[in-house]
Amino acid sequence: MDMNITELLEGIQITKKKDVKLYFVTRAIKTGVAKRTPAKDKYLFNVFQMDCDDEVRSFLYDASVRQLEKTIQKNYEMMDYDILTDETKHLFTYSIQNKVFSFNDVVTNQLLKTAPKVTSIANITEAEEMWAYCVEFFNIETEERIFTFRKILPSKVGVDEKAKGWIRAKFSLQSQQLSLLKEETVNLDEQIDCIYHQETFYVIKKANFEQIVGLQEEYKEKAHEVADNMINSGNFIGGDKLKELIEKKPSIHKKLIKVEKLGGYKNLTPKTLNLMKEVLKKYGETLPIVNDKLSTESEENIDAILKAFGDYYKKGEISGKPYGTFAGKELQTVE
């Protein structure tokens, strides 16, 4: 049964600071995989435990509690994860049951075992990419575990980089001198991207969660497939600009997936084309039609096309007010 953020916070507050554990999750490309291998089969995730002193454990514990308290105060609605729903004023639950992706092994296997200890960050990052860090809260009495995750950027990890033409240094307030910082460093902040408990992720920062578990790359692959389908349908001119935007703008991936789900581009008729043209004109936009085909040769054109095929324009049944959003699910009327 899904919990809410308040219950998760209470579950953490039952645990002791001395039992907090810090893990780092790394990502590497599996050996021998082909370039076109789907993202869900391409990567290998590994978990390493980092020993912490009491001060760091206390920081991680207190920071997590503060972050969850702030989240609760916002009173956001909790809903099932949906690819298109904006994270503004929403929290999401994402069940891993019946889902197959590489990150599964992290939460269903590796974090439940004794993970290898970190002896050198440099040794890890030589062959693997530092991907995320995870904090474990363990209830000794019930043996329940709650995990929080935060995406980590390469810039937040410091190792000896003298060979790359720059050094890390620290300024001592005692000696008032700058000296080489030879130790390895990791920057940890107070933010939480998602929480994992009993086969469910509780998503606070949607984009970061999608990146951590690999959904973002899957959406990118799917977006390329949709773009190919659209171009091959014979109803569009160009395609290079669309492919370029897929590489540069992750926000377009989900819009293309919505377009594919609706499928309107596959059987485009002059009647439908005219209707789209009229609707866009009503809201001050132009459908880019050239020789009875749709031109994808500029970002502005592509934006208009995706709005047309993605049912972007909607109207409230009661208020009659128009809205613009790619989100929303189809409803069935009752006779």
C-alpha atoms as a PDB file:
ATOM      1  CA  MET A   1       0.000   0.000   0.000  1.00  0.00           C
ATOM      2  CA  ASP A   2       1.355   3.426  -0.980  1.00  0.00           C
ATOM      3  CA  MET A   3       2.297   5.854   1.789  1.00  0.00           C
ATOM      4  CA  ASN A   4       2.205   9.630   1.766  1.00  0.00           C
ATOM      5  CA  ILE A   5       5.133  11.969   2.445  1.00  0.00           C
ATOM      6  CA  THR A   6       4.040  12.543   6.055  1.00  0.00           C
ATOM      7  CA  GLU A   7       4.118   8.792   6.735  1.00  0.00           C
ATOM      8  CA  LEU A   8       7.527   8.501   5.104  1.00  0.00           C
ATOM      9  CA  LEU A   9       8.818  11.357   7.260  1.00  0.00           C
ATOM     10  CA  GLU A  10       7.454   9.670  10.375  1.00  0.00           C
ATOM     11  CA  GLY A  11       9.143   6.450   9.280  1.00  0.00           C
ATOM     12  CA  ILE A  12      12.473   8.276   9.020  1.00  0.00           C
ATOM     13  CA  GLN A  13      12.044  10.024  12.367  1.00  0.00           C
ATOM     14  CA  ILE A  14      11.635   6.646  14.084  1.00  0.00           C
ATOM     15  CA  THR A  15      15.147   5.656  12.928  1.00  0.00           C
ATOM     16  CA  LYS A  16      18.377   6.658  14.674  1.00  0.00           C
ATOM     17  CA  LYS A  17      21.057   8.958  13.296  1.00  0.00           C
ATOM     18  CA  LYS A  18      23.750   6.411  14.121  1.00  0.00           C
ATOM     19  CA  ASP A  19      22.131   3.939  11.705  1.00  0.00           C
ATOM     20  CA  VAL A  20      22.173   6.299   8.699  1.00  0.00           C
ATOM     21  CA  LYS A  21      24.198   4.984   5.751  1.00  0.00           C
ATOM     22  CA  LEU A  22      25.455   6.808   2.665  1.00  0.00           C
ATOM     23  CA  TYR A  23      25.803   5.094  -0.705  1.00  0.00           C
ATOM     24  CA  PHE A  24      27.025   6.197  -4.094  1.00  0.00           C
ATOM     25  CA  VAL A  25      25.478   4.801  -7.260  1.00  0.00           C
ATOM     26  CA  THR A  26      27.660   4.652 -10.372  1.00  0.00           C
ATOM     27  CA  ARG A  27      26.736   3.975 -13.981  1.00  0.00           C
ATOM     28  CA  ALA A  28      28.788   2.315 -16.702  1.00  0.00           C
ATOM     29  CA  ILE A  29      28.093   0.993 -20.187  1.00  0.00           C
ATOM     30  CA  LYS A  30      27.959  -2.790 -20.197  1.00  0.00           C
ATOM     31  CA  THR A  31      30.845  -4.439 -22.011  1.00  0.00           C
ATOM     32  CA  GLY A  32      30.108  -5.731 -25.488  1.00  0.00           C
ATOM     33  CA  VAL A  33      26.808  -3.902 -26.008  1.00  0.00           C
ATOM     34  CA  ALA A  34      26.001  -2.542 -29.454  1.00  0.00           C
ATOM     35  CA  LYS A  35      25.642   1.197 -30.003  1.00  0.00           C
ATOM     36  CA  ARG A  36      21.925   0.840 -30.778  1.00  0.00           C
ATOM     37  CA  THR A  37      21.160  -1.248 -27.686  1.00  0.00           C
ATOM     38  CA  PRO A  38      18.104   0.189 -25.856  1.00  0.00           C
ATOM     39  CA  ALA A  39      18.959   2.278 -22.801  1.00  0.00           C
ATOM     40  CA  LYS A  40      17.222  -0.156 -20.452  1.00  0.00           C
ATOM     41  CA  ASP A  41      19.688  -2.873 -21.511  1.00  0.00           C
ATOM     42  CA  LYS A  42      22.792  -0.747 -22.070  1.00  0.00           C
ATOM     43  CA  TYR A  43      23.857   0.361 -18.599  1.00  0.00           C
ATOM     44  CA  LEU A  44      25.143  -1.284 -15.460  1.00  0.00           C
ATOM     45  CA  PHE A  45      24.578   0.389 -12.093  1.00  0.00           C
ATOM     46  CA  ASN A  46      26.778  -0.332  -9.081  1.00  0.00           C
ATOM     47  CA  VAL A  47      26.332   0.612  -5.431  1.00  0.00           C
ATOM     48  CA  PHE A  48      29.185   1.542  -3.059  1.00  0.00           C
ATOM     49  CA  GLN A  49      28.919   2.404   0.628  1.00  0.00           C
ATOM     50  CA  MET A  50      30.786   5.423   1.983  1.00  0.00           C
ATOM     51  CA  ASP A  51      31.660   5.350   5.679  1.00  0.00           C
ATOM     52  CA  CYS A  52      30.658   8.580   7.460  1.00  0.00           C
ATOM     53  CA  ASP A  53      31.479  10.176  10.779  1.00  0.00           C
ATOM     54  CA  ASP A  54      28.801  11.269  13.251  1.00  0.00           C
ATOM     55  CA  GLU A  55      28.770  14.845  11.952  1.00  0.00           C
ATOM     56  CA  VAL A  56      28.013  13.785   8.366  1.00  0.00           C
ATOM     57  CA  ARG A  57      25.375  11.270   9.458  1.00  0.00           C
ATOM     58  CA  SER A  58      23.708  13.959  11.561  1.00  0.00           C
ATOM     59  CA  PHE A  59      23.735  16.384   8.606  1.00  0.00           C
ATOM     60  CA  LEU A  60      22.185  13.827   6.241  1.00  0.00           C
ATOM     61  CA  TYR A  61      19.500  12.921   8.764  1.00  0.00           C
ATOM     62  CA  ASP A  62      18.563  16.500   9.711  1.00  0.00           C
ATOM     63  CA  ALA A  63      18.709  17.748   6.104  1.00  0.00           C
ATOM     64  CA  SER A  64      16.378  14.967   4.932  1.00  0.00           C
ATOM     65  CA  VAL A  65      13.882  15.726   7.674  1.00  0.00           C
ATOM     66  CA  ARG A  66      13.943  19.445   6.851  1.00  0.00           C
ATOM     67  CA  GLN A  67      13.477  18.798   3.149  1.00  0.00           C
ATOM     68  CA  LEU A  68      10.476  16.512   3.711  1.00  0.00           C
ATOM     69  CA  GLU A  69       8.921  18.974   6.160  1.00  0.00           C
ATOM     70  CA  LYS A  70       9.198  21.715   3.504  1.00  0.00           C
ATOM     71  CA  THR A  71       7.627  19.411   0.927  1.00  0.00           C
ATOM     72  CA  ILE A  72       4.716  18.588   3.251  1.00  0.00           C
ATOM     73  CA  GLN A  73       4.079  22.294   3.880  1.00  0.00           C
ATOM     74  CA  LYS A  74       3.512  22.837   0.141  1.00  0.00           C
ATOM     75  CA  ASN A  75       0.511  20.487   0.370  1.00  0.00           C
ATOM     76  CA  TYR A  76       1.066  19.079  -3.121  1.00  0.00           C
ATOM     77  CA  GLU A  77      -1.288  16.469  -4.526  1.00  0.00           C
ATOM     78  CA  MET A  78       0.108  12.926  -4.713  1.00  0.00           C
ATOM     79  CA  MET A  79      -0.756  11.071  -7.920  1.00  0.00           C
ATOM     80  CA  ASP A  80       0.382   8.104  -9.990  1.00  0.00           C
ATOM     81  CA  TYR A  81       3.324   8.903 -12.226  1.00  0.00           C
ATOM     82  CA  ASP A  82       2.323  10.162 -15.648  1.00  0.00           C
ATOM     83  CA  ILE A  83       4.804  10.944 -18.395  1.00  0.00           C
ATOM     84  CA  LEU A  84       3.187  14.280 -19.333  1.00  0.00           C
ATOM     85  CA  THR A  85       1.894  15.711 -16.069  1.00  0.00           C
ATOM     86  CA  ASP A  86       3.914  18.711 -14.940  1.00  0.00           C
ATOM     87  CA  GLU A  87       5.631  18.362 -11.571  1.00  0.00           C
ATOM     88  CA  THR A  88       4.389  21.803 -10.492  1.00  0.00           C
ATOM     89  CA  LYS A  89       2.177  21.298  -7.438  1.00  0.00           C
ATOM     90  CA  HIS A  90       2.324  17.505  -7.833  1.00  0.00           C
ATOM     91  CA  LEU A  91       4.172  14.613  -6.225  1.00  0.00           C
ATOM     92  CA  PHE A  92       4.193  11.218  -7.890  1.00  0.00           C
ATOM     93  CA  THR A  93       4.290   7.561  -6.996  1.00  0.00           C
ATOM     94  CA  TYR A  94       6.076   5.190  -9.356  1.00  0.00           C
ATOM     95  CA  SER A  95       5.702   1.452  -8.679  1.00  0.00           C
ATOM     96  CA  ILE A  96       8.502  -0.780  -9.962  1.00  0.00           C
ATOM     97  CA  GLN A  97       6.246  -3.854 -10.071  1.00  0.00           C
ATOM     98  CA  ASN A  98       6.194  -5.454 -13.541  1.00  0.00           C
ATOM     99  CA  LYS A  99       8.696  -2.886 -14.848  1.00  0.00           C
ATOM    100  CA  VAL A 100      12.034  -3.870 -16.316  1.00  0.00           C
ATOM    101  CA  PHE A 101      14.887  -1.361 -16.241  1.00  0.00           C
ATOM    102  CA  SER A 102      18.555  -1.480 -15.232  1.00  0.00           C
ATOM    103  CA  PHE A 103      18.133   0.627 -12.090  1.00  0.00           C
ATOM    104  CA  ASN A 104      15.826  -2.011 -10.610  1.00  0.00           C
ATOM    105  CA  ASP A 105      18.850  -3.988  -9.452  1.00  0.00           C
ATOM    106  CA  VAL A 106      19.944  -1.067  -7.263  1.00  0.00           C
ATOM    107  CA  VAL A 107      16.806  -1.004  -5.103  1.00  0.00           C
ATOM    108  CA  THR A 108      15.725  -4.654  -5.262  1.00  0.00           C
ATOM    109  CA  ASN A 109      19.135  -6.257  -4.832  1.00  0.00           C
ATOM    110  CA  GLN A 110      22.282  -4.214  -4.229  1.00  0.00           C
ATOM    111  CA  LEU A 111      20.995  -1.884  -1.492  1.00  0.00           C
ATOM    112  CA  LEU A 112      19.622  -4.858   0.421  1.00  0.00           C
ATOM    113  CA  LYS A 113      23.032  -6.532   0.581  1.00  0.00           C
ATOM    114  CA  THR A 114      26.353  -5.455   2.043  1.00  0.00           C
ATOM    115  CA  ALA A 115      27.702  -3.051  -0.547  1.00  0.00           C
ATOM    116  CA  PRO A 116      31.472  -2.735  -1.148  1.00  0.00           C
ATOM    117  CA  LYS A 117      33.084   0.149   0.728  1.00  0.00           C
ATOM    118  CA  VAL A 118      34.527   3.159  -1.058  1.00  0.00           C
ATOM    119  CA  THR A 119      38.301   3.295  -0.597  1.00  0.00           C
ATOM    120  CA  SER A 120      38.960   5.856  -3.323  1.00  0.00           C
ATOM    121  CA  ILE A 121      36.514   7.997  -5.299  1.00  0.00           C
ATOM    122  CA  ALA A 122      39.111   8.365  -8.043  1.00  0.00           C
ATOM    123  CA  ASN A 123      39.288   4.591  -8.493  1.00  0.00           C
ATOM    124  CA  ILE A 124      35.516   4.422  -8.966  1.00  0.00           C
ATOM    125  CA  THR A 125      35.218   7.349 -11.343  1.00  0.00           C
ATOM    126  CA  GLU A 126      38.054   6.175 -13.594  1.00  0.00           C
ATOM    127  CA  ALA A 127      35.847   3.478 -15.118  1.00  0.00           C
ATOM    128  CA  GLU A 128      32.337   4.489 -14.059  1.00  0.00           C
ATOM    129  CA  GLU A 129      30.251   7.641 -13.937  1.00  0.00           C
ATOM    130  CA  MET A 130      29.212   8.947 -10.527  1.00  0.00           C
ATOM    131  CA  TRP A 131      25.429   8.913 -10.962  1.00  0.00           C
ATOM    132  CA  ALA A 132      23.582   9.523  -7.685  1.00  0.00           C
ATOM    133  CA  TYR A 133      23.932   9.317  -3.955  1.00  0.00           C
ATOM    134  CA  CYS A 134      21.542   7.516  -1.651  1.00  0.00           C
ATOM    135  CA  VAL A 135      20.839   7.789   2.073  1.00  0.00           C
ATOM    136  CA  GLU A 136      19.470   4.784   3.962  1.00  0.00           C
ATOM    137  CA  PHE A 137      17.299   5.096   7.064  1.00  0.00           C
ATOM    138  CA  PHE A 138      17.071   1.736   8.830  1.00  0.00           C
ATOM    139  CA  ASN A 139      14.562   0.826  11.532  1.00  0.00           C
ATOM    140  CA  ILE A 140      16.305  -1.832  13.631  1.00  0.00           C
ATOM    141  CA  GLU A 141      13.083  -3.010  15.302  1.00  0.00           C
ATOM    142  CA  THR A 142      11.035  -3.573  12.120  1.00  0.00           C
ATOM    143  CA  GLU A 143      14.027  -3.958   9.749  1.00  0.00           C
ATOM    144  CA  GLU A 144      12.292  -1.572   7.350  1.00  0.00           C
ATOM    145  CA  ARG A 145      14.434   0.576   5.077  1.00  0.00           C
ATOM    146  CA  ILE A 146      13.672   3.958   3.515  1.00  0.00           C
ATOM    147  CA  PHE A 147      16.047   5.276   0.861  1.00  0.00           C
ATOM    148  CA  THR A 148      16.358   8.801  -0.490  1.00  0.00           C
ATOM    149  CA  PHE A 149      18.109   9.568  -3.794  1.00  0.00           C
ATOM    150  CA  ARG A 150      19.768  12.656  -5.220  1.00  0.00           C
ATOM    151  CA  LYS A 151      21.265  12.999  -8.711  1.00  0.00           C
ATOM    152  CA  ILE A 152      24.916  13.964  -8.465  1.00  0.00           C
ATOM    153  CA  LEU A 153      26.757  16.068 -11.033  1.00  0.00           C
ATOM    154  CA  PRO A 154      30.409  15.429 -11.956  1.00  0.00           C
ATOM    155  CA  SER A 155      31.233  18.958 -10.791  1.00  0.00           C
ATOM    156  CA  LYS A 156      30.178  17.967  -7.257  1.00  0.00           C
ATOM    157  CA  VAL A 157      32.923  15.326  -7.023  1.00  0.00           C
ATOM    158  CA  GLY A 158      36.539  16.425  -6.525  1.00  0.00           C
ATOM    159  CA  VAL A 159      39.572  14.205  -7.131  1.00  0.00           C
ATOM    160  CA  ASP A 160      43.181  15.021  -7.979  1.00  0.00           C
ATOM    161  CA  GLU A 161      42.979  16.738 -11.393  1.00  0.00           C
ATOM    162  CA  LYS A 162      46.531  18.147 -11.685  1.00  0.00           C
ATOM    163  CA  ALA A 163      47.104  16.159 -14.855  1.00  0.00           C
ATOM    164  CA  LYS A 164      44.215  18.021 -16.496  1.00  0.00           C
ATOM    165  CA  GLY A 165      45.797  21.422 -16.026  1.00  0.00           C
ATOM    166  CA  TRP A 166      44.193  22.717 -12.833  1.00  0.00           C
ATOM    167  CA  ILE A 167      44.434  22.178  -9.083  1.00  0.00           C
ATOM    168  CA  ARG A 168      42.117  22.297  -6.082  1.00  0.00           C
ATOM    169  CA  ALA A 169      43.201  24.474  -3.201  1.00  0.00           C
ATOM    170  CA  LYS A 170      41.934  25.553   0.211  1.00  0.00           C
ATOM    171  CA  PHE A 171      42.475  28.773   2.142  1.00  0.00           C
ATOM    172  CA  SER A 172      43.375  28.337   5.797  1.00  0.00           C
ATOM    173  CA  LEU A 173      41.970  30.940   8.183  1.00  0.00           C
ATOM    174  CA  GLN A 174      44.710  30.039  10.689  1.00  0.00           C
ATOM    175  CA  SER A 175      47.761  30.389   8.439  1.00  0.00           C
ATOM    176  CA  GLN A 176      46.021  32.724   5.963  1.00  0.00           C
ATOM    177  CA  GLN A 177      47.640  30.775   3.146  1.00  0.00           C
ATOM    178  CA  LEU A 178      46.404  28.906   0.100  1.00  0.00           C
ATOM    179  CA  SER A 179      47.490  25.278  -0.021  1.00  0.00           C
ATOM    180  CA  LEU A 180      46.830  22.246  -2.184  1.00  0.00           C
ATOM    181  CA  LEU A 181      43.759  20.225  -1.253  1.00  0.00           C
ATOM    182  CA  LYS A 182      44.938  16.655  -1.708  1.00  0.00           C
ATOM    183  CA  GLU A 183      41.926  14.859  -0.264  1.00  0.00           C
ATOM    184  CA  GLU A 184      38.986  13.757  -2.418  1.00  0.00           C
ATOM    185  CA  THR A 185      35.765  15.688  -1.890  1.00  0.00           C
ATOM    186  CA  VAL A 186      32.034  15.225  -2.493  1.00  0.00           C
ATOM    187  CA  ASN A 187      29.424  17.967  -2.224  1.00  0.00           C
ATOM    188  CA  LEU A 188      26.195  16.816  -0.567  1.00  0.00           C
ATOM    189  CA  ASP A 189      23.206  19.147  -0.362  1.00  0.00           C
ATOM    190  CA  GLU A 190      19.829  19.166   1.378  1.00  0.00           C
ATOM    191  CA  GLN A 191      17.760  18.288  -1.677  1.00  0.00           C
ATOM    192  CA  ILE A 192      15.905  15.006  -2.251  1.00  0.00           C
ATOM    193  CA  ASP A 193      14.865  13.949  -5.745  1.00  0.00           C
ATOM    194  CA  CYS A 194      12.924  10.824  -4.785  1.00  0.00           C
ATOM    195  CA  ILE A 195      12.311   8.349  -1.981  1.00  0.00           C
ATOM    196  CA  TYR A 196      12.134   4.572  -2.308  1.00  0.00           C
ATOM    197  CA  HIS A 197      10.169   2.327   0.038  1.00  0.00           C
ATOM    198  CA  GLN A 198       8.686  -1.133  -0.553  1.00  0.00           C
ATOM    199  CA  GLU A 199       8.676  -1.293  -4.366  1.00  0.00           C
ATOM    200  CA  THR A 200       7.542   2.308  -4.833  1.00  0.00           C
ATOM    201  CA  PHE A 201       9.371   5.512  -5.678  1.00  0.00           C
ATOM    202  CA  TYR A 202       7.904   8.718  -4.251  1.00  0.00           C
ATOM    203  CA  VAL A 203       8.939  11.406  -6.710  1.00  0.00           C
ATOM    204  CA  ILE A 204       9.633  14.950  -5.520  1.00  0.00           C
ATOM    205  CA  LYS A 205      11.687  16.246  -8.467  1.00  0.00           C
ATOM    206  CA  LYS A 206      10.323  14.565 -11.579  1.00  0.00           C
ATOM    207  CA  ALA A 207      13.029  15.438 -14.114  1.00  0.00           C
ATOM    208  CA  ASN A 208      15.848  14.316 -11.807  1.00  0.00           C
ATOM    209  CA  PHE A 209      14.003  11.090 -10.965  1.00  0.00           C
ATOM    210  CA  GLU A 210      13.564  10.318 -14.662  1.00  0.00           C
ATOM    211  CA  GLN A 211      17.276  10.850 -15.179  1.00  0.00           C
ATOM    212  CA  ILE A 212      18.310   8.724 -12.181  1.00  0.00           C
ATOM    213  CA  VAL A 213      16.310   5.614 -13.130  1.00  0.00           C
ATOM    214  CA  GLY A 214      16.961   5.924 -16.873  1.00  0.00           C
ATOM    215  CA  LEU A 215      13.519   6.992 -18.092  1.00  0.00           C
ATOM    216  CA  GLN A 216      14.880  10.153 -19.709  1.00  0.00           C
ATOM    217  CA  GLU A 217      17.082   8.184 -22.101  1.00  0.00           C
ATOM    218  CA  GLU A 218      14.252   5.789 -22.898  1.00  0.00           C
ATOM    219  CA  TYR A 219      12.033   8.750 -23.793  1.00  0.00           C
ATOM    220  CA  LYS A 220      14.752  10.117 -26.060  1.00  0.00           C
ATOM    221  CA  GLU A 221      15.002   6.802 -27.921  1.00  0.00           C
ATOM    222  CA  LYS A 222      11.231   6.670 -28.307  1.00  0.00           C
ATOM    223  CA  ALA A 223      11.177  10.281 -29.552  1.00  0.00           C
ATOM    224  CA  HIS A 224      13.611   9.387 -32.346  1.00  0.00           C
ATOM    225  CA  GLU A 225      11.362   6.458 -33.327  1.00  0.00           C
ATOM    226  CA  VAL A 226       8.313   8.725 -33.458  1.00  0.00           C
ATOM    227  CA  ALA A 227      10.186  11.310 -35.524  1.00  0.00           C
ATOM    228  CA  ASP A 228      11.169   8.601 -38.026  1.00  0.00           C
ATOM    229  CA  ASN A 229       7.560   7.425 -38.230  1.00  0.00           C
ATOM    230  CA  MET A 230       6.315  10.955 -38.842  1.00  0.00           C
ATOM    231  CA  ILE A 231       8.900  11.666 -41.544  1.00  0.00           C
ATOM    232  CA  ASN A 232       8.236   8.328 -43.254  1.00  0.00           C
ATOM    233  CA  SER A 233       4.464   8.934 -43.268  1.00  0.00           C
ATOM    234  CA  GLY A 234       4.887  11.257 -46.246  1.00  0.00           C
ATOM    235  CA  ASN A 235       2.965  14.098 -44.590  1.00  0.00           C
ATOM    236  CA  PHE A 236       5.994  16.179 -43.590  1.00  0.00           C
ATOM    237  CA  ILE A 237       8.766  18.173 -45.228  1.00  0.00           C
ATOM    238  CA  GLY A 238      12.221  18.040 -43.691  1.00  0.00           C
ATOM    239  CA  GLY A 239      13.203  16.236 -40.517  1.00  0.00           C
ATOM    240  CA  ASP A 240      16.761  17.312 -39.721  1.00  0.00           C
ATOM    241  CA  LYS A 241      15.614  20.137 -37.441  1.00  0.00           C
ATOM    242  CA  LEU A 242      13.300  17.784 -35.545  1.00  0.00           C
ATOM    243  CA  LYS A 243      16.155  15.319 -35.014  1.00  0.00           C
ATOM    244  CA  GLU A 244      18.386  18.162 -33.848  1.00  0.00           C
ATOM    245  CA  LEU A 245      15.819  19.315 -31.278  1.00  0.00           C
ATOM    246  CA  ILE A 246      15.449  15.775 -29.911  1.00  0.00           C
ATOM    247  CA  GLU A 247      19.178  15.800 -29.152  1.00  0.00           C
ATOM    248  CA  LYS A 248      19.162  19.297 -27.632  1.00  0.00           C
ATOM    249  CA  LYS A 249      15.788  19.640 -25.852  1.00  0.00           C
ATOM    250  CA  PRO A 250      14.554  16.811 -23.593  1.00  0.00           C
ATOM    251  CA  SER A 251      11.216  18.637 -23.204  1.00  0.00           C
ATOM    252  CA  ILE A 252      10.273  17.653 -26.762  1.00  0.00           C
ATOM    253  CA  HIS A 253      10.574  13.911 -26.080  1.00  0.00           C
ATOM    254  CA  LYS A 254       7.334  13.585 -24.124  1.00  0.00           C
ATOM    255  CA  LYS A 255       5.410  15.723 -26.612  1.00  0.00           C
ATOM    256  CA  LEU A 256       6.406  13.374 -29.419  1.00  0.00           C
ATOM    257  CA  ILE A 257       5.370  10.361 -27.346  1.00  0.00           C
ATOM    258  CA  LYS A 258       1.950  11.995 -26.841  1.00  0.00           C
ATOM    259  CA  VAL A 259       1.691  12.609 -30.605  1.00  0.00           C
ATOM    260  CA  GLU A 260       2.469   8.949 -31.291  1.00  0.00           C
ATOM    261  CA  LYS A 261      -0.131   7.814 -28.761  1.00  0.00           C
ATOM    262  CA  LEU A 262      -2.840   9.866 -30.477  1.00  0.00           C
ATOM    263  CA  GLY A 263      -1.586   8.821 -33.922  1.00  0.00           C
ATOM    264  CA  GLY A 264      -3.321  11.582 -35.872  1.00  0.00           C
ATOM    265  CA  TYR A 265      -0.391  12.131 -38.230  1.00  0.00           C
ATOM    266  CA  LYS A 266      -0.703   8.625 -39.701  1.00  0.00           C
ATOM    267  CA  ASN A 267      -3.988   9.198 -41.553  1.00  0.00           C
ATOM    268  CA  LEU A 268      -3.900  12.935 -42.184  1.00  0.00           C
ATOM    269  CA  THR A 269      -6.698  14.226 -44.438  1.00  0.00           C
ATOM    270  CA  PRO A 270      -7.294  17.674 -45.991  1.00  0.00           C
ATOM    271  CA  LYS A 271     -10.274  18.068 -43.640  1.00  0.00           C
ATOM    272  CA  THR A 272      -8.149  17.405 -40.545  1.00  0.00           C
ATOM    273  CA  LEU A 273      -5.421  19.686 -41.855  1.00  0.00           C
ATOM    274  CA  ASN A 274      -7.891  22.544 -42.275  1.00  0.00           C
ATOM    275  CA  LEU A 275      -9.313  21.981 -38.795  1.00  0.00           C
ATOM    276  CA  MET A 276      -5.832  22.136 -37.285  1.00  0.00           C
ATOM    277  CA  LYS A 277      -5.123  25.303 -39.238  1.00  0.00           C
ATOM    278  CA  GLU A 278      -8.312  26.972 -37.929  1.00  0.00           C
ATOM    279  CA  VAL A 279      -7.676  25.981 -34.313  1.00  0.00           C
ATOM    280  CA  LEU A 280      -4.112  27.285 -34.299  1.00  0.00           C
ATOM    281  CA  LYS A 281      -5.178  30.509 -36.010  1.00  0.00           C
ATOM    282  CA  LYS A 282      -7.727  31.077 -33.224  1.00  0.00           C
ATOM    283  CA  TYR A 283      -4.847  31.187 -30.719  1.00  0.00           C
ATOM    284  CA  GLY A 284      -2.539  33.333 -32.830  1.00  0.00           C
ATOM    285  CA  GLU A 285      -0.413  30.555 -34.274  1.00  0.00           C
ATOM    286  CA  THR A 286       0.197  29.379 -37.822  1.00  0.00           C
ATOM    287  CA  LEU A 287       0.232  25.792 -39.044  1.00  0.00           C
ATOM    288  CA  PRO A 288       3.234  25.561 -41.415  1.00  0.00           C
ATOM    289  CA  ILE A 289       1.675  24.064 -44.576  1.00  0.00           C
ATOM    290  CA  VAL A 290       3.779  23.880 -47.741  1.00  0.00           C
ATOM    291  CA  ASN A 291       2.338  22.101 -50.805  1.00  0.00           C
ATOM    292  CA  ASP A 292      -0.272  20.316 -48.630  1.00  0.00           C
ATOM    293  CA  LYS A 293       2.460  19.009 -46.302  1.00  0.00           C
ATOM    294  CA  LEU A 294       3.687  20.161 -42.904  1.00  0.00           C
ATOM    295  CA  SER A 295       7.106  21.799 -42.748  1.00  0.00           C
ATOM    296  CA  THR A 296       9.399  20.850 -39.846  1.00  0.00           C
ATOM    297  CA  GLU A 297      12.216  23.128 -40.947  1.00  0.00           C
ATOM    298  CA  SER A 298      12.185  25.481 -37.943  1.00  0.00           C
ATOM    299  CA  GLU A 299      11.657  25.160 -34.193  1.00  0.00           C
ATOM    300  CA  GLU A 300       8.624  27.451 -34.398  1.00  0.00           C
ATOM    301  CA  ASN A 301       7.071  25.197 -37.048  1.00  0.00           C
ATOM    302  CA  ILE A 302       7.722  22.075 -35.003  1.00  0.00           C
ATOM    303  CA  ASP A 303       6.175  23.649 -31.894  1.00  0.00           C
ATOM    304  CA  ALA A 304       2.966  24.436 -33.823  1.00  0.00           C
ATOM    305  CA  ILE A 305       2.830  20.939 -35.344  1.00  0.00           C
ATOM    306  CA  LEU A 306       3.259  19.213 -31.982  1.00  0.00           C
ATOM    307  CA  LYS A 307       0.506  21.357 -30.458  1.00  0.00           C
ATOM    308  CA  ALA A 308      -1.819  20.422 -33.311  1.00  0.00           C
ATOM    309  CA  PHE A 309      -1.175  16.679 -33.156  1.00  0.00           C
ATOM    310  CA  GLY A 310      -0.787  16.562 -29.359  1.00  0.00           C
ATOM    311  CA  ASP A 311      -4.268  17.917 -28.519  1.00  0.00           C
ATOM    312  CA  TYR A 312      -2.614  20.867 -26.805  1.00  0.00           C
ATOM    313  CA  TYR A 313      -5.694  23.088 -26.993  1.00  0.00           C
ATOM    314  CA  LYS A 314      -8.491  22.152 -24.574  1.00  0.00           C
ATOM    315  CA  LYS A 315     -11.634  23.740 -23.170  1.00  0.00           C
ATOM    316  CA  GLY A 316     -13.151  23.448 -19.697  1.00  0.00           C
ATOM    317  CA  GLU A 317     -16.621  21.835 -19.805  1.00  0.00           C
ATOM    318  CA  ILE A 318     -17.980  24.046 -17.019  1.00  0.00           C
ATOM    319  CA  SER A 319     -16.096  27.319 -17.342  1.00  0.00           C
ATOM    320  CA  GLY A 320     -15.799  27.183 -21.101  1.00  0.00           C
ATOM    321  CA  LYS A 321     -12.308  28.660 -20.738  1.00  0.00           C
ATOM    322  CA  PRO A 322      -9.580  27.515 -23.154  1.00  0.00           C
ATOM    323  CA  TYR A 323      -6.417  25.890 -21.812  1.00  0.00           C
ATOM    324  CA  GLY A 324      -3.094  24.896 -23.338  1.00  0.00           C
ATOM    325  CA  THR A 325      -1.430  21.715 -22.084  1.00  0.00           C
ATOM    326  CA  PHE A 326      -0.122  18.427 -23.425  1.00  0.00           C
ATOM    327  CA  ALA A 327      -1.096  16.709 -20.167  1.00  0.00           C
ATOM    328  CA  GLY A 328      -4.445  15.154 -19.307  1.00  0.00           C
ATOM    329  CA  LYS A 329      -6.040  11.762 -19.788  1.00  0.00           C
ATOM    330  CA  GLU A 330      -8.999  10.808 -21.900  1.00  0.00           C
ATOM    331  CA  LEU A 331     -12.306  10.474 -20.028  1.00  0.00           C
ATOM    332  CA  GLN A 332     -15.322   8.351 -20.849  1.00  0.00           C
ATOM    333  CA  THR A 333     -18.743   9.979 -20.671  1.00  0.00           C
ATOM    334  CA  VAL A 334     -21.640   8.296 -18.896  1.00  0.00           C
ATOM    335  CA  GLU A 335     -24.973   8.091 -20.707  1.00  0.00           C
END
